[in-house]
Amino acid sequence: MAAPGTLSIIIPMLDEGGRIATLLGVLRSHFADAEIIVVDGGSADHSVAAAMPLADSVLLGPRGRARQMNLGAACAKHDWLCFLHADTQPEFDQSALLPLLGDEVLWAFCRVRLSGSQRILGLIAALMNLRSRLTRVATGDQCLLVRRSVFTRIEGFADIPLMEDVEICKRLRRLGRPLNPDLMVTTSGRRWVEQGAARTILRMWALRLAFWMGVPPAKLWAHYYGSRSPGSRES
């Protein structure tokens, strides 16, 4: 039975040996009462060894973020599920979060800040936060929280290789408005820096538009990742 008022943090992981221990150390410090579950999708580095001393559970599952998160959720013990990317770090602790998760709240997501010194990253993050607040659709970088009973009711993440975060938010918002508290997470701005801010923004919006128009996620995957197969996706 799920423990009331407590949190299970689920982190999909793939080749994150360079940073997973740092993230888990922060989570252990800030969320002392939370259950921490790491789900590895077949890392080729030392990710699993780095995670084992700090996580409550390290699961080995099929590669693919949706599948990894569903596996973690199936093994979670608590009544709130927190899906957190391995390159995203909360800037708050359980004392700031848990009191906000009242009985009327079904799901929630946080505001995001992008790490990096480029000024454009602040503007990108502001636009991301505005878009998610207006559309009630968050990205996986925004620390998605779902009440366990609700997650079970909607049968979890769809088994798709891309846009699993957008797809589940669209189903969740049919059940009720999300809580979007003034709590911040910091996620890596590496993608925008390496690929160019304008190019990345246009690319992501094009993918979202294509998904909305019904283009199969597998085709979007091929466009986004080129010749790589869905099984090679990063978590």
C-alpha atoms as a PDB file:
ATOM      1  CA  MET A   1       0.000   0.000   0.000  1.00  0.00           C
ATOM      2  CA  ALA A   2       1.248   3.504  -0.817  1.00  0.00           C
ATOM      3  CA  ALA A   3       2.374   5.554   2.133  1.00  0.00           C
ATOM      4  CA  PRO A   4       0.294   8.758   2.452  1.00  0.00           C
ATOM      5  CA  GLY A   5       1.903  12.127   1.893  1.00  0.00           C
ATOM      6  CA  THR A   6       5.233  10.759   0.741  1.00  0.00           C
ATOM      7  CA  LEU A   7       7.200  10.819  -2.466  1.00  0.00           C
ATOM      8  CA  SER A   8       8.822   8.300  -4.804  1.00  0.00           C
ATOM      9  CA  ILE A   9      11.392   9.927  -7.102  1.00  0.00           C
ATOM     10  CA  ILE A  10      11.892   8.000 -10.354  1.00  0.00           C
ATOM     11  CA  ILE A  11      14.932   8.748 -12.510  1.00  0.00           C
ATOM     12  CA  PRO A  12      15.416   7.142 -15.944  1.00  0.00           C
ATOM     13  CA  MET A  13      19.126   6.824 -16.667  1.00  0.00           C
ATOM     14  CA  LEU A  14      21.415   6.006 -19.570  1.00  0.00           C
ATOM     15  CA  ASP A  15      25.176   6.596 -19.418  1.00  0.00           C
ATOM     16  CA  GLU A  16      24.979   9.187 -16.650  1.00  0.00           C
ATOM     17  CA  GLY A  17      27.998   8.006 -14.670  1.00  0.00           C
ATOM     18  CA  GLY A  18      29.479  11.488 -14.649  1.00  0.00           C
ATOM     19  CA  ARG A  19      26.613  13.114 -12.769  1.00  0.00           C
ATOM     20  CA  ILE A  20      24.175  10.618 -11.278  1.00  0.00           C
ATOM     21  CA  ALA A  21      25.993  10.424  -7.928  1.00  0.00           C
ATOM     22  CA  THR A  22      25.907  14.212  -7.552  1.00  0.00           C
ATOM     23  CA  LEU A  23      22.166  14.326  -8.273  1.00  0.00           C
ATOM     24  CA  LEU A  24      21.396  11.482  -5.885  1.00  0.00           C
ATOM     25  CA  GLY A  25      23.466  13.126  -3.171  1.00  0.00           C
ATOM     26  CA  VAL A  26      21.405  16.305  -3.502  1.00  0.00           C
ATOM     27  CA  LEU A  27      18.152  14.335  -3.446  1.00  0.00           C
ATOM     28  CA  ARG A  28      19.231  12.431  -0.339  1.00  0.00           C
ATOM     29  CA  SER A  29      19.950  15.727   1.389  1.00  0.00           C
ATOM     30  CA  HIS A  30      16.808  17.586   0.278  1.00  0.00           C
ATOM     31  CA  PHE A  31      14.282  14.721   0.284  1.00  0.00           C
ATOM     32  CA  ALA A  32      15.254  12.616   3.272  1.00  0.00           C
ATOM     33  CA  ASP A  33      11.885  10.848   3.454  1.00  0.00           C
ATOM     34  CA  ALA A  34      11.566  10.118  -0.254  1.00  0.00           C
ATOM     35  CA  GLU A  35      12.077   6.798  -1.968  1.00  0.00           C
ATOM     36  CA  ILE A  36      14.628   7.147  -4.784  1.00  0.00           C
ATOM     37  CA  ILE A  37      14.365   4.753  -7.723  1.00  0.00           C
ATOM     38  CA  VAL A  38      16.834   4.806 -10.602  1.00  0.00           C
ATOM     39  CA  VAL A  39      15.940   2.862 -13.745  1.00  0.00           C
ATOM     40  CA  ASP A  40      18.846   2.131 -16.050  1.00  0.00           C
ATOM     41  CA  GLY A  41      18.243   1.470 -19.717  1.00  0.00           C
ATOM     42  CA  GLY A  42      21.476  -0.359 -20.474  1.00  0.00           C
ATOM     43  CA  SER A  43      24.289   2.039 -19.626  1.00  0.00           C
ATOM     44  CA  ALA A  44      27.712   1.211 -21.019  1.00  0.00           C
ATOM     45  CA  ASP A  45      29.551   3.249 -18.386  1.00  0.00           C
ATOM     46  CA  HIS A  46      29.680   3.052 -14.572  1.00  0.00           C
ATOM     47  CA  SER A  47      26.217   4.616 -14.048  1.00  0.00           C
ATOM     48  CA  VAL A  48      24.742   1.631 -12.222  1.00  0.00           C
ATOM     49  CA  ALA A  49      27.706   1.285  -9.863  1.00  0.00           C
ATOM     50  CA  ALA A  50      27.576   5.021  -9.111  1.00  0.00           C
ATOM     51  CA  ALA A  51      23.850   4.948  -8.357  1.00  0.00           C
ATOM     52  CA  MET A  52      23.671   1.827  -6.201  1.00  0.00           C
ATOM     53  CA  PRO A  53      25.069   3.261  -2.927  1.00  0.00           C
ATOM     54  CA  LEU A  54      22.695   6.260  -3.012  1.00  0.00           C
ATOM     55  CA  ALA A  55      19.412   4.995  -4.472  1.00  0.00           C
ATOM     56  CA  ASP A  56      16.854   2.859  -2.664  1.00  0.00           C
ATOM     57  CA  SER A  57      16.450   0.790  -5.821  1.00  0.00           C
ATOM     58  CA  VAL A  58      18.404   0.547  -9.062  1.00  0.00           C
ATOM     59  CA  LEU A  59      16.360  -1.277 -11.662  1.00  0.00           C
ATOM     60  CA  LEU A  60      17.572  -2.622 -14.994  1.00  0.00           C
ATOM     61  CA  GLY A  61      14.934  -2.246 -17.664  1.00  0.00           C
ATOM     62  CA  PRO A  62      14.312  -1.900 -21.383  1.00  0.00           C
ATOM     63  CA  ARG A  63      15.776   1.210 -22.962  1.00  0.00           C
ATOM     64  CA  GLY A  64      13.369   4.055 -23.622  1.00  0.00           C
ATOM     65  CA  ARG A  65      12.414   6.786 -21.185  1.00  0.00           C
ATOM     66  CA  ALA A  66       8.679   5.935 -21.108  1.00  0.00           C
ATOM     67  CA  ARG A  67       9.343   2.270 -20.432  1.00  0.00           C
ATOM     68  CA  GLN A  68      11.945   3.040 -17.789  1.00  0.00           C
ATOM     69  CA  MET A  69       9.631   5.437 -15.955  1.00  0.00           C
ATOM     70  CA  ASN A  70       6.723   3.001 -16.097  1.00  0.00           C
ATOM     71  CA  LEU A  71       8.932   0.304 -14.575  1.00  0.00           C
ATOM     72  CA  GLY A  72       9.998   2.642 -11.805  1.00  0.00           C
ATOM     73  CA  ALA A  73       6.400   3.616 -11.100  1.00  0.00           C
ATOM     74  CA  ALA A  74       5.350  -0.036 -10.918  1.00  0.00           C
ATOM     75  CA  CYS A  75       7.906  -0.606  -8.165  1.00  0.00           C
ATOM     76  CA  ALA A  76       7.280   2.627  -6.256  1.00  0.00           C
ATOM     77  CA  LYS A  77       5.814   2.519  -2.746  1.00  0.00           C
ATOM     78  CA  HIS A  78       4.531   6.028  -2.114  1.00  0.00           C
ATOM     79  CA  ASP A  79       1.432   7.938  -3.165  1.00  0.00           C
ATOM     80  CA  TRP A  80       3.195  10.664  -5.154  1.00  0.00           C
ATOM     81  CA  LEU A  81       5.379   9.808  -8.156  1.00  0.00           C
ATOM     82  CA  CYS A  82       8.034  12.353  -9.123  1.00  0.00           C
ATOM     83  CA  PHE A  83       9.588  11.798 -12.566  1.00  0.00           C
ATOM     84  CA  LEU A  84      12.953  13.506 -12.738  1.00  0.00           C
ATOM     85  CA  HIS A  85      15.520  13.536 -15.541  1.00  0.00           C
ATOM     86  CA  ALA A  86      19.095  12.690 -14.636  1.00  0.00           C
ATOM     87  CA  ASP A  87      20.286  16.127 -15.789  1.00  0.00           C
ATOM     88  CA  THR A  88      17.663  18.019 -13.757  1.00  0.00           C
ATOM     89  CA  GLN A  89      18.098  19.111 -10.148  1.00  0.00           C
ATOM     90  CA  PRO A  90      15.410  20.531  -7.825  1.00  0.00           C
ATOM     91  CA  GLU A  91      16.218  23.830  -6.131  1.00  0.00           C
ATOM     92  CA  PHE A  92      13.815  23.094  -3.264  1.00  0.00           C
ATOM     93  CA  ASP A  93      13.366  20.450  -0.603  1.00  0.00           C
ATOM     94  CA  GLN A  94      10.525  18.295   0.689  1.00  0.00           C
ATOM     95  CA  SER A  95       9.438  20.916   3.236  1.00  0.00           C
ATOM     96  CA  ALA A  96       8.664  23.304   0.378  1.00  0.00           C
ATOM     97  CA  LEU A  97       6.973  20.748  -1.858  1.00  0.00           C
ATOM     98  CA  LEU A  98       4.945  18.313   0.229  1.00  0.00           C
ATOM     99  CA  PRO A  99       2.626  20.854   1.924  1.00  0.00           C
ATOM    100  CA  LEU A 100       1.504  21.977  -1.552  1.00  0.00           C
ATOM    101  CA  LEU A 101       0.317  18.497  -2.564  1.00  0.00           C
ATOM    102  CA  GLY A 102      -3.114  18.657  -0.993  1.00  0.00           C
ATOM    103  CA  ASP A 103      -5.980  16.253  -1.527  1.00  0.00           C
ATOM    104  CA  GLU A 104      -7.324  18.325  -4.423  1.00  0.00           C
ATOM    105  CA  VAL A 105      -4.069  18.143  -6.414  1.00  0.00           C
ATOM    106  CA  LEU A 106      -3.868  15.387  -9.044  1.00  0.00           C
ATOM    107  CA  TRP A 107      -0.668  16.344 -10.811  1.00  0.00           C
ATOM    108  CA  ALA A 108       1.924  19.081 -10.912  1.00  0.00           C
ATOM    109  CA  PHE A 109       5.081  20.317 -12.561  1.00  0.00           C
ATOM    110  CA  CYS A 110       7.727  22.873 -11.667  1.00  0.00           C
ATOM    111  CA  ARG A 111       9.277  25.883 -13.312  1.00  0.00           C
ATOM    112  CA  VAL A 112      12.575  25.365 -15.096  1.00  0.00           C
ATOM    113  CA  ARG A 113      15.896  27.189 -15.270  1.00  0.00           C
ATOM    114  CA  LEU A 114      18.588  26.288 -17.818  1.00  0.00           C
ATOM    115  CA  SER A 115      22.160  26.000 -16.607  1.00  0.00           C
ATOM    116  CA  GLY A 116      24.812  27.942 -18.472  1.00  0.00           C
ATOM    117  CA  SER A 117      26.175  31.452 -18.739  1.00  0.00           C
ATOM    118  CA  GLN A 118      24.587  32.479 -22.055  1.00  0.00           C
ATOM    119  CA  ARG A 119      21.933  35.151 -21.535  1.00  0.00           C
ATOM    120  CA  ILE A 120      19.679  33.594 -24.174  1.00  0.00           C
ATOM    121  CA  LEU A 121      19.147  30.596 -21.880  1.00  0.00           C
ATOM    122  CA  GLY A 122      17.233  32.758 -19.418  1.00  0.00           C
ATOM    123  CA  LEU A 123      14.869  33.891 -22.172  1.00  0.00           C
ATOM    124  CA  ILE A 124      14.375  30.330 -23.405  1.00  0.00           C
ATOM    125  CA  ALA A 125      13.515  29.142 -19.887  1.00  0.00           C
ATOM    126  CA  ALA A 126      11.057  32.017 -19.419  1.00  0.00           C
ATOM    127  CA  LEU A 127       9.313  31.098 -22.673  1.00  0.00           C
ATOM    128  CA  MET A 128       9.208  27.424 -21.677  1.00  0.00           C
ATOM    129  CA  ASN A 129       7.611  28.314 -18.355  1.00  0.00           C
ATOM    130  CA  LEU A 130       5.064  30.611 -20.001  1.00  0.00           C
ATOM    131  CA  ARG A 131       4.137  28.014 -22.603  1.00  0.00           C
ATOM    132  CA  SER A 132       3.687  25.234 -20.073  1.00  0.00           C
ATOM    133  CA  ARG A 133       1.600  27.451 -17.792  1.00  0.00           C
ATOM    134  CA  LEU A 134      -0.719  28.483 -20.638  1.00  0.00           C
ATOM    135  CA  THR A 135      -1.041  25.073 -22.300  1.00  0.00           C
ATOM    136  CA  ARG A 136      -0.802  22.944 -19.133  1.00  0.00           C
ATOM    137  CA  VAL A 137       1.689  20.749 -21.000  1.00  0.00           C
ATOM    138  CA  ALA A 138       5.098  20.308 -19.399  1.00  0.00           C
ATOM    139  CA  THR A 139       8.301  18.793 -20.676  1.00  0.00           C
ATOM    140  CA  GLY A 140      10.130  16.034 -18.868  1.00  0.00           C
ATOM    141  CA  ASP A 141      12.689  18.604 -17.722  1.00  0.00           C
ATOM    142  CA  GLN A 142      10.113  20.208 -15.424  1.00  0.00           C
ATOM    143  CA  CYS A 143       9.914  17.536 -12.714  1.00  0.00           C
ATOM    144  CA  LEU A 144       6.519  15.981 -13.405  1.00  0.00           C
ATOM    145  CA  LEU A 145       4.594  14.885 -10.298  1.00  0.00           C
ATOM    146  CA  VAL A 146       1.571  12.601 -10.533  1.00  0.00           C
ATOM    147  CA  ARG A 147      -0.558  11.141  -7.772  1.00  0.00           C
ATOM    148  CA  ARG A 148      -0.047   7.385  -7.860  1.00  0.00           C
ATOM    149  CA  SER A 149      -3.775   6.598  -8.132  1.00  0.00           C
ATOM    150  CA  VAL A 150      -4.062   8.955 -11.107  1.00  0.00           C
ATOM    151  CA  PHE A 151      -1.013   7.456 -12.823  1.00  0.00           C
ATOM    152  CA  THR A 152      -2.534   3.997 -12.424  1.00  0.00           C
ATOM    153  CA  ARG A 153      -5.896   5.223 -13.704  1.00  0.00           C
ATOM    154  CA  ILE A 154      -4.411   6.547 -16.961  1.00  0.00           C
ATOM    155  CA  GLU A 155      -2.131   3.500 -17.323  1.00  0.00           C
ATOM    156  CA  GLY A 156       1.102   5.455 -17.166  1.00  0.00           C
ATOM    157  CA  PHE A 157       3.234   6.742 -19.986  1.00  0.00           C
ATOM    158  CA  ALA A 158       2.378   5.709 -23.512  1.00  0.00           C
ATOM    159  CA  ASP A 159       4.909   3.273 -24.983  1.00  0.00           C
ATOM    160  CA  ILE A 160       6.258   5.723 -27.544  1.00  0.00           C
ATOM    161  CA  PRO A 161       9.911   6.646 -28.230  1.00  0.00           C
ATOM    162  CA  LEU A 162       9.429  10.413 -28.191  1.00  0.00           C
ATOM    163  CA  MET A 163       7.023  13.022 -26.767  1.00  0.00           C
ATOM    164  CA  GLU A 164       5.943  10.766 -23.899  1.00  0.00           C
ATOM    165  CA  ASP A 165       5.928  13.815 -21.614  1.00  0.00           C
ATOM    166  CA  VAL A 166       3.670  15.849 -23.921  1.00  0.00           C
ATOM    167  CA  GLU A 167       1.338  12.917 -24.484  1.00  0.00           C
ATOM    168  CA  ILE A 168       0.800  12.144 -20.802  1.00  0.00           C
ATOM    169  CA  CYS A 169       0.225  15.815 -19.940  1.00  0.00           C
ATOM    170  CA  LYS A 170      -2.531  16.009 -22.528  1.00  0.00           C
ATOM    171  CA  ARG A 171      -4.279  13.082 -20.865  1.00  0.00           C
ATOM    172  CA  LEU A 172      -3.687  14.422 -17.359  1.00  0.00           C
ATOM    173  CA  ARG A 173      -5.144  17.835 -18.097  1.00  0.00           C
ATOM    174  CA  ARG A 174      -8.449  16.202 -19.031  1.00  0.00           C
ATOM    175  CA  LEU A 175      -8.700  15.081 -15.412  1.00  0.00           C
ATOM    176  CA  GLY A 176      -7.928  18.440 -13.852  1.00  0.00           C
ATOM    177  CA  ARG A 177      -5.706  21.498 -13.832  1.00  0.00           C
ATOM    178  CA  PRO A 178      -2.112  20.914 -12.757  1.00  0.00           C
ATOM    179  CA  LEU A 179      -0.488  22.613  -9.826  1.00  0.00           C
ATOM    180  CA  ASN A 180       2.339  24.803 -11.134  1.00  0.00           C
ATOM    181  CA  PRO A 181       3.999  26.061  -7.948  1.00  0.00           C
ATOM    182  CA  ASP A 182       6.715  28.679  -7.775  1.00  0.00           C
ATOM    183  CA  LEU A 183       9.347  25.981  -7.320  1.00  0.00           C
ATOM    184  CA  MET A 184      12.346  25.814  -9.611  1.00  0.00           C
ATOM    185  CA  VAL A 185      14.403  23.022 -11.104  1.00  0.00           C
ATOM    186  CA  THR A 186      17.643  23.529 -12.995  1.00  0.00           C
ATOM    187  CA  THR A 187      18.251  21.443 -16.068  1.00  0.00           C
ATOM    188  CA  SER A 188      21.135  21.311 -18.491  1.00  0.00           C
ATOM    189  CA  GLY A 189      21.269  24.012 -21.165  1.00  0.00           C
ATOM    190  CA  ARG A 190      23.786  21.954 -23.126  1.00  0.00           C
ATOM    191  CA  ARG A 191      21.434  21.127 -25.998  1.00  0.00           C
ATOM    192  CA  TRP A 192      20.673  24.788 -26.747  1.00  0.00           C
ATOM    193  CA  VAL A 193      24.341  25.768 -26.534  1.00  0.00           C
ATOM    194  CA  GLU A 194      25.689  22.938 -28.677  1.00  0.00           C
ATOM    195  CA  GLN A 195      22.969  22.995 -31.346  1.00  0.00           C
ATOM    196  CA  GLY A 196      22.241  26.716 -31.333  1.00  0.00           C
ATOM    197  CA  ALA A 197      19.341  28.321 -29.492  1.00  0.00           C
ATOM    198  CA  ALA A 198      17.282  29.446 -32.486  1.00  0.00           C
ATOM    199  CA  ARG A 199      17.776  26.179 -34.339  1.00  0.00           C
ATOM    200  CA  THR A 200      16.831  24.096 -31.294  1.00  0.00           C
ATOM    201  CA  ILE A 201      13.697  26.146 -30.563  1.00  0.00           C
ATOM    202  CA  LEU A 202      12.486  25.866 -34.164  1.00  0.00           C
ATOM    203  CA  ARG A 203      13.248  22.164 -34.222  1.00  0.00           C
ATOM    204  CA  MET A 204      11.358  21.459 -31.001  1.00  0.00           C
ATOM    205  CA  TRP A 205       8.326  23.467 -32.067  1.00  0.00           C
ATOM    206  CA  ALA A 206       8.296  21.681 -35.423  1.00  0.00           C
ATOM    207  CA  LEU A 207       8.337  18.329 -33.631  1.00  0.00           C
ATOM    208  CA  ARG A 208       5.485  19.421 -31.340  1.00  0.00           C
ATOM    209  CA  LEU A 209       3.430  20.615 -34.294  1.00  0.00           C
ATOM    210  CA  ALA A 210       4.025  17.373 -36.176  1.00  0.00           C
ATOM    211  CA  PHE A 211       3.053  15.349 -33.103  1.00  0.00           C
ATOM    212  CA  TRP A 212      -0.126  17.415 -32.707  1.00  0.00           C
ATOM    213  CA  MET A 213      -0.944  16.767 -36.386  1.00  0.00           C
ATOM    214  CA  GLY A 214      -0.675  13.029 -35.831  1.00  0.00           C
ATOM    215  CA  VAL A 215       2.773  12.164 -37.177  1.00  0.00           C
ATOM    216  CA  PRO A 216       3.782   8.840 -35.549  1.00  0.00           C
ATOM    217  CA  PRO A 217       6.389   9.236 -32.777  1.00  0.00           C
ATOM    218  CA  ALA A 218       8.671   6.722 -34.518  1.00  0.00           C
ATOM    219  CA  LYS A 219       8.905   9.030 -37.542  1.00  0.00           C
ATOM    220  CA  LEU A 220       9.571  11.998 -35.294  1.00  0.00           C
ATOM    221  CA  TRP A 221      12.290   9.933 -33.658  1.00  0.00           C
ATOM    222  CA  ALA A 222      13.943   9.251 -37.018  1.00  0.00           C
ATOM    223  CA  HIS A 223      13.893  12.973 -37.808  1.00  0.00           C
ATOM    224  CA  TYR A 224      15.202  14.029 -34.395  1.00  0.00           C
ATOM    225  CA  TYR A 225      17.917  11.394 -33.947  1.00  0.00           C
ATOM    226  CA  GLY A 226      18.807  10.742 -37.577  1.00  0.00           C
ATOM    227  CA  SER A 227      19.997   7.245 -38.329  1.00  0.00           C
ATOM    228  CA  ARG A 228      20.000   6.069 -34.713  1.00  0.00           C
ATOM    229  CA  SER A 229      17.353   3.587 -33.677  1.00  0.00           C
ATOM    230  CA  PRO A 230      14.893   4.185 -30.800  1.00  0.00           C
ATOM    231  CA  GLY A 231      16.918   1.755 -28.732  1.00  0.00           C
ATOM    232  CA  SER A 232      19.872   4.153 -28.720  1.00  0.00           C
ATOM    233  CA  ARG A 233      17.997   7.068 -27.223  1.00  0.00           C
ATOM    234  CA  GLU A 234      19.492   8.977 -24.320  1.00  0.00           C
ATOM    235  CA  SER A 235      17.549   9.158 -21.076  1.00  0.00           C
END
